[in-house]
Amino acid sequence: MRRYGLAGVLRATSCLLGKIKPFCEVDELTGVLNLKALRADLSKGKDRALTLINIDGFSTVNNAYGIDAGDMLLKGFCEILKKNLPNNTTIYRCYGDEFALLFDTVKSKKVEEFAEQIDGCLSFTSIDVGGVELKIAVTIGISIGNGDELIKKASIALMEARLSKKVSTVYVEGNELEKRIQKIFYWQTRLKEALTEGHLTPFYQPLLNNNTGYIDKFESLIRLRHEGAIVLPMDFLEAAKEGGMLSSVTRIMISESFRDFSKSDHSFSVNITEQDLLNKNFISFLEKKLLSNKIEPHRVYFELLEGISTDVANNSLETLKEIKKMGCKLSVDDFGTEHSNFRRLLELEVDLIKIDGSFIKNLDKCETSQKIVKSIISFANSMGAMTAAEFVHSSEIQQIVKNMGIDYSQGYYIGIPSPKPEIKLDEAFA
């Protein structure tokens, strides 16, 4: 019953870092000490080893068999831990399905051996939950040292084990996952401030119509103004996703872009995500913005950020159909990558296919890229969709793109993103 994913482990980490308030020092369900007791013991300043043990897929048991069965599983697992507990080791129940063991040792090898022992024991041990025998698996994070920081470090090690699909991992100072988590927490705070104070803004990158030689379309790209600098989305979008703020970001982009393009007759695209498509109020929000800004729907392209994977399309297909009924258009970003799905393109009646820049940037040198791009163009033509080349960075690449019959070009050779979608007459391309 293994489960993985950064969002879930981030939520668990937040709880362990102080967002829950245990009301006593003994856990009522299992009878072992709780998180409050663990923190008190860690405050004594002695160097020791700490393990955090999480039951994989525990929520599945609650959903399938009920909360009472889940409680029985927790008590059964706690008994297994007690039977295998080394000398001078204390057990705690920290949070939900997460337990901690505090070892009176600083030898990580000993603790790793215990982790292997527990994993082996669980592989042939079942826990009775109301007449149903269940087997479980666990993920374990290990840290060495003293003080309350041990909990944080063991949490990071647990995440690392889960994401790398290992049974256990020992915390290493300054590892890449820790930097990633710190970055996410940092930008989540900055994003909340930006949403409140209006520091999120669109920049607009032009697309050249290769059939006319003029720019008639723009892509709206999110930017964050922070401490006098412009921050690119690669720094903060993961934080927005993990913090459930993507829909708020999208609404700002739609509001700002619609306002700016109400003053011109150009087409433009706005990125949307699965979170937006699953929001029941999204369509009514779009209708109001189109009406209040007097935007003709055919000028608006909604660009799918997360590819067209099967799950996204299944969950969001009805909303996408409603967008098409309104008269707006759909485009797919980064097509040609591992998530691409030709069948879904036909189902969604996509109007524009943007070919991933990794194939475009080396078109003058890579024969494989040329073959892939040609096949995408052929498919797009067969379904009546236009094509756009991303990452057009030179006149040589632009000429190849144009000769191949790609409808639009986008990249720094065509134009860089800027705060206003302005075009000068001398920016036309022959």
Protein backbone atom coordinates (compact mmCIF):
# COMPACT_ATOMS: atom_id res chain seq x y z
CA MET A 1 0.00 0.00 0.00
CA ARG A 2 2.73 2.48 -0.89
CA ARG A 3 1.80 6.08 -1.71
CA TYR A 4 4.06 8.80 -2.99
CA GLY A 5 3.83 12.50 -3.91
CA LEU A 6 5.32 15.73 -2.66
CA ALA A 7 2.02 17.40 -1.76
CA GLY A 8 1.07 14.79 0.86
CA VAL A 9 4.44 14.66 2.51
CA LEU A 10 4.61 18.47 2.62
CA ARG A 11 1.31 18.54 4.50
CA ALA A 12 2.60 15.96 6.97
CA THR A 13 5.80 17.94 7.44
CA SER A 14 3.85 21.10 8.21
CA CYS A 15 2.03 19.26 10.99
CA LEU A 16 5.23 17.88 12.42
CA LEU A 17 6.83 21.30 12.37
CA GLY A 18 4.30 22.69 14.81
CA LYS A 19 0.85 23.09 13.31
CA ILE A 20 -0.80 20.55 15.60
CA LYS A 21 -1.26 20.97 19.31
CA PRO A 22 -1.35 17.70 21.29
CA PHE A 23 -3.45 18.06 24.38
CA CYS A 24 -1.47 15.65 26.61
CA GLU A 25 1.69 13.56 26.56
CA VAL A 26 0.05 10.15 25.98
CA ASP A 27 -1.75 9.12 22.81
CA GLU A 28 -5.25 7.94 23.75
CA LEU A 29 -5.58 5.39 20.95
CA THR A 30 -2.30 3.49 21.27
CA GLY A 31 -1.24 4.33 24.82
CA VAL A 32 2.27 5.39 23.73
CA LEU A 33 3.75 8.85 24.16
CA ASN A 34 2.83 11.57 21.68
CA LEU A 35 4.49 14.45 19.81
CA LYS A 36 4.42 16.77 22.82
CA ALA A 37 6.34 14.19 24.84
CA LEU A 38 8.80 13.68 21.98
CA ARG A 39 9.59 17.39 21.82
CA ALA A 40 10.07 17.49 25.57
CA ASP A 41 12.51 14.55 25.40
CA LEU A 42 14.41 16.11 22.49
CA SER A 43 14.83 19.35 24.43
CA LYS A 44 17.17 17.59 26.87
CA GLY A 45 20.03 18.20 24.44
CA LYS A 46 21.48 14.70 24.23
CA ASP A 47 22.72 13.38 20.86
CA ARG A 48 20.51 10.53 19.66
CA ALA A 49 18.94 8.94 16.59
CA LEU A 50 15.33 9.54 15.60
CA THR A 51 13.22 7.62 13.10
CA LEU A 52 9.87 8.67 11.70
CA ILE A 53 7.82 5.74 10.44
CA ASN A 54 4.84 6.34 8.15
CA ILE A 55 2.31 3.68 7.13
CA ASP A 56 2.00 3.71 3.33
CA GLY A 57 -1.51 4.09 1.95
CA PHE A 58 -3.16 4.33 5.37
CA SER A 59 -6.00 6.50 4.04
CA THR A 60 -7.00 3.63 1.75
CA VAL A 61 -7.78 1.51 4.80
CA ASN A 62 -9.95 4.25 6.31
CA ASN A 63 -11.79 4.71 3.02
CA ALA A 64 -12.26 1.01 2.29
CA TYR A 65 -12.95 -0.38 5.77
CA GLY A 66 -13.85 2.62 7.91
CA ILE A 67 -12.23 4.67 10.67
CA ASP A 68 -12.61 1.92 13.27
CA ALA A 69 -10.62 -0.45 11.07
CA GLY A 70 -7.99 2.24 10.66
CA ASP A 71 -7.73 2.60 14.43
CA MET A 72 -7.33 -1.16 14.78
CA LEU A 73 -4.56 -1.10 12.20
CA LEU A 74 -2.73 1.65 14.09
CA LYS A 75 -2.95 -0.26 17.36
CA GLY A 76 -1.81 -3.47 15.66
CA PHE A 77 1.13 -1.74 14.05
CA CYS A 78 2.07 -0.14 17.37
CA GLU A 79 2.17 -3.62 18.95
CA ILE A 80 4.53 -4.82 16.21
CA LEU A 81 6.83 -1.89 16.93
CA LYS A 82 6.79 -2.65 20.67
CA LYS A 83 7.71 -6.30 20.09
CA ASN A 84 10.69 -5.31 17.95
CA LEU A 85 11.76 -2.30 19.98
CA PRO A 86 15.51 -2.26 20.78
CA ASN A 87 16.72 -1.53 24.30
CA ASN A 88 16.86 2.12 25.36
CA THR A 89 14.40 3.15 22.65
CA THR A 90 11.15 5.07 23.16
CA ILE A 91 8.09 4.96 20.89
CA TYR A 92 5.79 7.91 20.13
CA ARG A 93 2.75 8.43 17.94
CA CYS A 94 3.27 11.80 16.27
CA TYR A 95 0.56 12.42 13.74
CA GLY A 96 -2.17 10.20 12.28
CA ASP A 97 -0.38 7.19 10.84
CA GLU A 98 3.11 8.41 11.74
CA PHE A 99 5.19 7.05 14.60
CA ALA A 100 8.60 8.07 15.95
CA LEU A 101 11.28 6.04 17.68
CA LEU A 102 13.95 7.80 19.73
CA PHE A 103 17.12 5.70 20.03
CA ASP A 104 19.71 6.17 22.76
CA THR A 105 22.48 5.91 20.16
CA VAL A 106 24.12 7.98 17.43
CA LYS A 107 25.08 5.02 15.26
CA SER A 108 23.04 5.30 12.09
CA LYS A 109 23.99 1.77 11.02
CA LYS A 110 22.18 0.35 14.05
CA VAL A 111 19.06 2.34 13.25
CA GLU A 112 19.19 1.35 9.57
CA GLU A 113 19.41 -2.29 10.63
CA PHE A 114 16.27 -1.79 12.72
CA ALA A 115 14.50 -0.25 9.70
CA GLU A 116 15.39 -3.32 7.65
CA GLN A 117 14.16 -5.54 10.49
CA ILE A 118 10.76 -3.80 10.64
CA ASP A 119 10.40 -3.93 6.86
CA GLY A 120 11.20 -7.66 6.88
CA CYS A 121 8.81 -8.32 9.75
CA LEU A 122 5.93 -6.55 7.99
CA SER A 123 6.49 -8.54 4.82
CA PHE A 124 5.23 -11.70 6.53
CA THR A 125 2.99 -10.26 9.27
CA SER A 126 -0.71 -9.46 8.88
CA ILE A 127 -2.79 -7.22 11.12
CA ASP A 128 -6.36 -8.23 11.96
CA VAL A 129 -8.86 -5.41 11.46
CA GLY A 130 -12.29 -6.78 12.32
CA GLY A 131 -11.79 -10.16 10.70
CA VAL A 132 -9.84 -8.85 7.69
CA GLU A 133 -6.12 -9.63 7.56
CA LEU A 134 -4.14 -6.73 6.15
CA LYS A 135 -0.48 -6.45 5.24
CA ILE A 136 1.16 -3.05 5.36
CA ALA A 137 4.36 -1.38 4.23
CA VAL A 138 6.12 1.61 5.77
CA THR A 139 8.50 4.39 4.82
CA ILE A 140 11.14 5.51 7.32
CA GLY A 141 13.17 8.67 7.74
CA ILE A 142 16.25 8.70 10.02
CA SER A 143 18.15 11.62 11.55
CA ILE A 144 21.07 11.87 14.01
CA GLY A 145 21.70 14.73 16.43
CA ASN A 146 19.78 16.61 19.12
CA GLY A 147 17.01 19.12 19.65
CA ASP A 148 13.72 19.73 17.90
CA GLU A 149 15.51 19.98 14.53
CA LEU A 150 15.73 16.18 14.57
CA ILE A 151 12.01 16.02 13.72
CA LYS A 152 12.41 18.30 10.72
CA LYS A 153 15.45 16.40 9.47
CA ALA A 154 13.79 13.00 9.89
CA SER A 155 10.73 14.37 8.03
CA ILE A 156 12.94 15.41 5.11
CA ALA A 157 14.62 11.99 5.11
CA LEU A 158 11.19 10.35 5.08
CA MET A 159 10.15 12.46 2.08
CA GLU A 160 13.36 11.57 0.31
CA ALA A 161 12.76 7.87 0.94
CA ARG A 162 9.20 8.14 -0.34
CA LEU A 163 10.07 10.08 -3.49
CA SER A 164 12.97 7.73 -4.29
CA LYS A 165 10.78 4.68 -3.46
CA LYS A 166 13.13 3.42 -0.76
CA VAL A 167 12.09 1.88 2.57
CA SER A 168 14.35 4.20 4.57
CA THR A 169 16.76 7.11 4.14
CA VAL A 170 19.20 8.81 6.53
CA TYR A 171 19.13 12.62 6.56
CA VAL A 172 22.19 14.29 5.00
CA GLU A 173 22.80 17.97 5.72
CA GLY A 174 21.97 20.32 2.84
CA ASN A 175 20.56 17.68 0.47
CA GLU A 176 18.72 18.69 -2.68
CA LEU A 177 15.30 17.76 -1.35
CA GLU A 178 15.76 20.00 1.69
CA LYS A 179 16.67 22.90 -0.60
CA ARG A 180 13.60 22.17 -2.70
CA ILE A 181 11.30 22.13 0.33
CA GLN A 182 12.78 25.33 1.70
CA LYS A 183 12.27 26.97 -1.69
CA ILE A 184 8.63 25.85 -1.80
CA PHE A 185 7.90 27.14 1.71
CA TYR A 186 9.67 30.43 0.93
CA TRP A 187 7.75 31.08 -2.29
CA GLN A 188 4.43 30.03 -0.79
CA THR A 189 4.83 32.88 1.69
CA ARG A 190 5.86 35.30 -1.06
CA LEU A 191 2.94 34.20 -3.26
CA LYS A 192 0.39 34.80 -0.52
CA GLU A 193 1.79 38.30 -0.15
CA ALA A 194 1.77 38.80 -3.93
CA LEU A 195 -1.85 37.69 -4.25
CA THR A 196 -2.88 40.10 -1.51
CA GLU A 197 -0.77 43.06 -2.60
CA GLY A 198 -1.12 42.75 -6.39
CA HIS A 199 2.47 41.80 -7.21
CA LEU A 200 1.56 39.18 -9.84
CA THR A 201 1.48 40.54 -13.38
CA PRO A 202 1.40 39.23 -16.95
CA PHE A 203 4.18 39.74 -19.49
CA TYR A 204 3.35 39.23 -23.16
CA GLN A 205 5.45 37.38 -25.72
CA PRO A 206 4.59 37.82 -29.41
CA LEU A 207 3.92 35.05 -31.94
CA LEU A 208 4.75 35.69 -35.58
CA ASN A 209 2.22 34.58 -38.18
CA ASN A 210 4.47 32.94 -40.76
CA ASN A 211 1.75 33.13 -43.43
CA THR A 212 1.35 36.92 -43.26
CA GLY A 213 4.71 38.02 -41.83
CA TYR A 214 3.03 39.96 -39.03
CA ILE A 215 2.60 39.49 -35.31
CA ASP A 216 -1.09 38.92 -34.55
CA LYS A 217 -0.96 36.82 -31.40
CA PHE A 218 0.58 36.97 -27.91
CA GLU A 219 1.10 34.53 -25.05
CA SER A 220 0.40 35.82 -21.53
CA LEU A 221 3.16 34.75 -19.16
CA ILE A 222 3.00 35.12 -15.38
CA ARG A 223 5.65 37.14 -13.55
CA LEU A 224 6.07 38.06 -9.88
CA ARG A 225 7.43 41.42 -8.77
CA HIS A 226 9.56 40.88 -5.68
CA GLU A 227 12.02 43.27 -4.02
CA GLY A 228 12.43 45.33 -7.19
CA ALA A 229 13.06 42.30 -9.41
CA ILE A 230 10.93 40.30 -11.86
CA VAL A 231 10.73 36.64 -10.81
CA LEU A 232 10.16 33.94 -13.46
CA PRO A 233 7.50 31.23 -12.92
CA MET A 234 10.11 28.45 -12.69
CA ASP A 235 10.89 29.82 -9.22
CA PHE A 236 7.37 29.93 -7.78
CA LEU A 237 4.88 27.81 -9.77
CA GLU A 238 5.69 24.60 -7.89
CA ALA A 239 4.98 26.45 -4.65
CA ALA A 240 1.69 27.69 -6.13
CA LYS A 241 0.72 24.16 -7.11
CA GLU A 242 1.63 22.59 -3.76
CA GLY A 243 -0.10 25.43 -1.90
CA GLY A 244 -3.32 25.21 -3.93
CA MET A 245 -2.85 28.72 -5.34
CA LEU A 246 -2.76 27.97 -9.08
CA SER A 247 -6.42 28.90 -9.61
CA SER A 248 -5.88 32.28 -7.93
CA VAL A 249 -2.87 32.89 -10.17
CA THR A 250 -4.89 31.97 -13.28
CA ARG A 251 -7.73 34.35 -12.37
CA ILE A 252 -5.30 37.23 -12.02
CA MET A 253 -3.79 36.38 -15.41
CA ILE A 254 -7.21 36.24 -17.05
CA SER A 255 -8.37 39.50 -15.47
CA GLU A 256 -5.19 41.40 -16.38
CA SER A 257 -4.85 39.94 -19.89
CA PHE A 258 -8.50 40.55 -20.77
CA ARG A 259 -8.17 44.16 -19.61
CA ASP A 260 -5.03 44.76 -21.70
CA PHE A 261 -6.38 43.11 -24.86
CA SER A 262 -9.69 44.94 -24.64
CA LYS A 263 -7.67 47.83 -26.14
CA SER A 264 -6.54 45.89 -29.24
CA ASP A 265 -7.79 43.33 -31.75
CA HIS A 266 -4.95 40.81 -31.33
CA SER A 267 -5.47 37.21 -30.28
CA PHE A 268 -3.86 36.04 -27.05
CA SER A 269 -3.44 32.91 -24.94
CA VAL A 270 -3.65 32.32 -21.20
CA ASN A 271 -2.36 29.19 -19.50
CA ILE A 272 -4.87 27.13 -17.51
CA THR A 273 -4.41 24.10 -15.28
CA GLU A 274 -6.40 21.11 -14.16
CA GLN A 275 -7.26 22.96 -10.93
CA ASP A 276 -8.98 25.64 -13.01
CA LEU A 277 -10.90 23.12 -15.09
CA LEU A 278 -12.16 21.32 -12.00
CA ASN A 279 -13.45 24.56 -10.45
CA LYS A 280 -17.24 24.63 -10.90
CA ASN A 281 -17.25 28.45 -11.08
CA PHE A 282 -14.58 28.72 -13.77
CA ILE A 283 -16.94 28.95 -16.77
CA SER A 284 -19.13 31.64 -15.17
CA PHE A 285 -15.96 33.59 -14.27
CA LEU A 286 -14.84 33.47 -17.92
CA GLU A 287 -18.24 34.56 -19.20
CA LYS A 288 -18.24 37.61 -16.90
CA LYS A 289 -14.71 38.60 -17.94
CA LEU A 290 -15.48 38.26 -21.65
CA LEU A 291 -18.59 40.39 -21.27
CA SER A 292 -17.17 43.08 -19.02
CA ASN A 293 -14.07 43.55 -21.22
CA LYS A 294 -15.96 43.20 -24.52
CA ILE A 295 -13.53 40.53 -25.71
CA GLU A 296 -14.55 38.48 -28.75
CA PRO A 297 -14.23 34.82 -27.66
CA HIS A 298 -12.49 33.72 -30.88
CA ARG A 299 -9.48 35.89 -29.92
CA VAL A 300 -8.87 33.94 -26.70
CA TYR A 301 -6.78 30.76 -26.63
CA PHE A 302 -6.65 28.74 -23.43
CA GLU A 303 -3.37 26.89 -23.26
CA LEU A 304 -3.19 23.60 -21.37
CA LEU A 305 -0.19 23.79 -19.04
CA GLU A 306 -0.06 20.17 -17.96
CA GLY A 307 -0.14 18.48 -21.34
CA ILE A 308 -3.06 16.30 -22.31
CA SER A 309 -2.44 13.24 -20.18
CA THR A 310 -5.31 10.80 -19.88
CA ASP A 311 -6.22 11.72 -16.30
CA VAL A 312 -6.33 15.46 -16.97
CA ALA A 313 -8.49 15.06 -20.08
CA ASN A 314 -10.93 12.65 -18.41
CA ASN A 315 -11.47 14.87 -15.38
CA SER A 316 -11.70 18.12 -17.31
CA LEU A 317 -13.21 17.24 -20.68
CA GLU A 318 -16.63 18.73 -19.94
CA THR A 319 -15.18 22.10 -18.93
CA LEU A 320 -13.00 22.16 -22.04
CA LYS A 321 -16.08 21.48 -24.18
CA GLU A 322 -17.86 24.40 -22.48
CA ILE A 323 -14.90 26.65 -23.30
CA LYS A 324 -15.17 25.63 -26.94
CA LYS A 325 -18.94 26.26 -26.95
CA MET A 326 -18.30 29.80 -25.73
CA GLY A 327 -16.29 30.37 -28.92
CA CYS A 328 -12.87 30.39 -27.28
CA LYS A 329 -10.04 28.25 -28.63
CA LEU A 330 -7.72 25.63 -27.16
CA SER A 331 -4.00 25.21 -27.60
CA VAL A 332 -1.61 22.59 -26.24
CA ASP A 333 1.82 23.58 -24.95
CA ASP A 334 5.07 21.60 -25.20
CA PHE A 335 3.64 19.02 -27.60
CA GLY A 336 5.98 16.15 -28.42
CA THR A 337 7.06 15.50 -24.82
CA GLU A 338 6.38 12.32 -22.84
CA HIS A 339 2.83 13.39 -21.81
CA SER A 340 1.63 13.97 -25.36
CA ASN A 341 -1.45 12.04 -26.38
CA PHE A 342 -2.61 12.18 -30.01
CA ARG A 343 -6.00 10.63 -29.25
CA ARG A 344 -6.78 13.34 -26.69
CA LEU A 345 -5.99 16.05 -29.24
CA LEU A 346 -8.77 14.69 -31.44
CA GLU A 347 -11.21 14.50 -28.51
CA LEU A 348 -10.46 18.05 -27.39
CA GLU A 349 -10.68 19.55 -30.91
CA VAL A 350 -7.51 21.54 -30.29
CA ASP A 351 -7.05 24.64 -32.46
CA LEU A 352 -3.30 25.19 -32.01
CA ILE A 353 -0.47 22.76 -31.30
CA LYS A 354 2.69 24.34 -29.89
CA ILE A 355 5.68 22.16 -30.71
CA ASP A 356 8.05 21.75 -27.77
CA GLY A 357 11.12 23.96 -27.94
CA SER A 358 13.49 21.05 -27.34
CA PHE A 359 12.76 19.92 -30.92
CA ILE A 360 12.85 23.40 -32.45
CA LYS A 361 16.09 24.81 -31.05
CA ASN A 362 18.25 22.20 -32.86
CA LEU A 363 16.27 21.87 -36.09
CA ASP A 364 19.29 22.96 -38.12
CA LYS A 365 21.46 20.17 -36.70
CA CYS A 366 19.25 17.29 -35.51
CA GLU A 367 17.67 14.99 -38.08
CA THR A 368 15.58 13.24 -35.40
CA SER A 369 14.03 16.56 -34.35
CA GLN A 370 13.21 17.31 -37.98
CA LYS A 371 11.38 13.98 -38.34
CA ILE A 372 9.41 14.50 -35.12
CA VAL A 373 8.41 18.03 -36.10
CA LYS A 374 7.32 16.91 -39.56
CA SER A 375 5.12 14.19 -38.06
CA ILE A 376 3.48 16.70 -35.69
CA ILE A 377 2.84 19.12 -38.56
CA SER A 378 1.30 16.32 -40.64
CA PHE A 379 -0.96 15.28 -37.77
CA ALA A 380 -2.01 18.87 -37.07
CA ASN A 381 -2.86 19.41 -40.73
CA SER A 382 -4.96 16.24 -40.79
CA MET A 383 -7.11 17.51 -37.91
CA GLY A 384 -7.31 21.10 -39.11
CA ALA A 385 -5.21 22.57 -36.30
CA MET A 386 -2.55 25.26 -36.62
CA THR A 387 1.03 24.77 -35.38
CA ALA A 388 3.44 27.02 -33.50
CA ALA A 389 7.17 26.58 -32.97
CA GLU A 390 8.56 27.48 -29.55
CA PHE A 391 12.16 28.55 -28.86
CA VAL A 392 12.84 30.17 -32.23
CA HIS A 393 16.12 31.85 -31.32
CA SER A 394 17.82 32.67 -34.63
CA SER A 395 17.14 33.68 -38.21
CA GLU A 396 18.37 30.24 -39.35
CA ILE A 397 15.84 28.41 -37.16
CA GLN A 398 13.09 30.83 -38.23
CA GLN A 399 13.75 30.14 -41.89
CA ILE A 400 13.59 26.36 -41.34
CA VAL A 401 10.38 26.70 -39.32
CA LYS A 402 8.82 28.81 -42.07
CA ASN A 403 9.94 26.42 -44.83
CA MET A 404 8.46 23.47 -42.94
CA GLY A 405 5.04 25.13 -43.02
CA ILE A 406 4.66 25.87 -39.29
CA ASP A 407 2.00 28.57 -38.88
CA TYR A 408 3.47 30.54 -35.97
CA SER A 409 6.91 31.21 -34.49
CA GLN A 410 7.62 32.16 -30.89
CA GLY A 411 10.96 32.81 -29.22
CA TYR A 412 13.54 35.46 -28.46
CA TYR A 413 14.30 35.98 -32.16
CA ILE A 414 10.66 36.99 -32.66
CA GLY A 415 10.34 38.99 -29.45
CA ILE A 416 10.98 38.84 -25.71
CA PRO A 417 8.19 38.95 -23.09
CA SER A 418 7.29 42.50 -22.09
CA PRO A 419 4.75 44.17 -19.76
CA LYS A 420 2.64 45.56 -22.62
CA PRO A 421 1.50 43.83 -25.83
CA GLU A 422 2.74 46.61 -28.07
CA ILE A 423 3.76 46.25 -31.71
CA LYS A 424 5.59 48.81 -33.83
CA LEU A 425 5.05 48.93 -37.59
CA ASP A 426 8.72 48.17 -38.27
CA GLU A 427 8.45 44.89 -36.34
CA ALA A 428 6.81 43.15 -39.32
CA PHE A 429 8.73 40.20 -40.75
CA ALA A 430 9.08 39.70 -44.47
